Amino acid sequence: MNGLSDVRLTLRSKELAAGQEDSAWNSAMRNAPSGLSRWGLFWHRLHTRKALMNLTPEQLKDVGLTREQANEEGLKPFWRI
């Protein structure tokens, strides 16, 4: 390979790495409404996790969660995914 090809490979690897980081962020945000700021996302998580703690057994069954799973998710701090 010549020097130009090495530079192209290096640049392409950086693009791929950046794409993977974007993909991880997008997967973390997949359940949140679009257009939220970071604080909006935190607020959304806080309220949805509190709501999860208040679901009835029938509602949890509809969602496919056990009470233990709902409590585990509901007690997570809002800054954790």
Protein backbone atom coordinates (compact mmCIF):
# COMPACT_ATOMS: atom_id res chain seq x y z
CA MET A 1 0.00 0.00 0.00
CA ASN A 2 1.07 3.54 -0.51
CA GLY A 3 0.86 6.29 2.09
CA LEU A 4 -2.42 7.64 0.74
CA SER A 5 -4.20 4.32 1.29
CA ASP A 6 -2.97 4.20 4.89
CA VAL A 7 -4.41 7.65 5.52
CA ARG A 8 -7.74 6.65 4.01
CA LEU A 9 -7.91 3.54 6.20
CA THR A 10 -7.13 5.59 9.29
CA LEU A 11 -9.81 8.15 8.46
CA ARG A 12 -12.35 5.45 7.67
CA SER A 13 -11.69 3.67 10.97
CA LYS A 14 -12.38 6.94 12.82
CA GLU A 15 -15.65 7.34 10.92
CA LEU A 16 -16.68 3.80 11.83
CA ALA A 17 -15.83 4.34 15.50
CA ALA A 18 -17.87 7.56 15.54
CA GLY A 19 -20.77 5.70 13.93
CA GLN A 20 -20.68 3.07 16.66
CA GLU A 21 -20.80 5.75 19.36
CA ASP A 22 -23.77 7.38 17.63
CA SER A 23 -25.47 4.01 17.41
CA ALA A 24 -25.01 3.41 21.14
CA TRP A 25 -26.50 6.82 21.94
CA ASN A 26 -29.43 6.22 19.59
CA SER A 27 -30.18 2.84 21.13
CA ALA A 28 -30.16 4.41 24.59
CA MET A 29 -32.60 7.09 23.41
CA ARG A 30 -34.89 4.74 21.47
CA ASN A 31 -37.76 4.94 23.97
CA ALA A 32 -37.56 8.65 24.65
CA PRO A 33 -39.47 11.19 22.60
CA SER A 34 -37.35 12.82 19.93
CA GLY A 35 -36.00 16.31 20.38
CA LEU A 36 -35.38 16.09 24.13
CA SER A 37 -32.46 17.91 25.66
CA ARG A 38 -30.29 16.08 28.17
CA TRP A 39 -32.35 17.51 31.04
CA GLY A 40 -35.54 16.64 29.20
CA LEU A 41 -34.34 13.07 28.88
CA PHE A 42 -33.53 12.94 32.60
CA TRP A 43 -36.97 14.34 33.43
CA HIS A 44 -38.62 11.79 31.14
CA ARG A 45 -36.74 8.91 32.77
CA LEU A 46 -37.60 10.14 36.27
CA HIS A 47 -41.32 10.30 35.58
CA THR A 48 -41.60 7.08 33.58
CA ARG A 49 -39.67 5.16 36.24
CA LYS A 50 -41.94 6.53 38.96
CA ALA A 51 -44.97 5.54 36.87
CA LEU A 52 -43.55 2.05 36.45
CA MET A 53 -43.45 1.65 40.24
CA ASN A 54 -47.19 2.43 40.42
CA LEU A 55 -48.42 -0.11 37.87
CA THR A 56 -50.88 -2.76 38.98
CA PRO A 57 -50.04 -6.47 38.63
CA GLU A 58 -52.33 -6.68 35.59
CA GLN A 59 -50.61 -3.75 33.91
CA LEU A 60 -47.19 -5.25 34.63
CA LYS A 61 -48.34 -8.50 33.07
CA ASP A 62 -49.44 -6.59 29.96
CA VAL A 63 -46.00 -4.99 29.74
CA GLY A 64 -44.30 -8.33 30.38
CA LEU A 65 -42.53 -7.42 33.61
CA THR A 66 -42.55 -8.87 37.10
CA ARG A 67 -42.90 -6.68 40.17
CA GLU A 68 -39.21 -7.30 40.95
CA GLN A 69 -38.14 -6.17 37.47
CA ALA A 70 -40.34 -3.07 37.72
CA ASN A 71 -38.90 -2.21 41.14
CA GLU A 72 -35.35 -2.73 39.89
CA GLU A 73 -35.91 -0.39 36.94
CA GLY A 74 -37.98 2.09 38.94
CA LEU A 75 -35.32 2.51 41.61
CA LYS A 76 -32.55 3.33 39.16
CA PRO A 77 -31.31 6.91 39.32
CA PHE A 78 -32.55 9.07 36.45
CA TRP A 79 -29.05 9.53 35.05
CA ARG A 80 -28.57 5.80 34.42
CA ILE A 81 -29.73 4.11 31.25
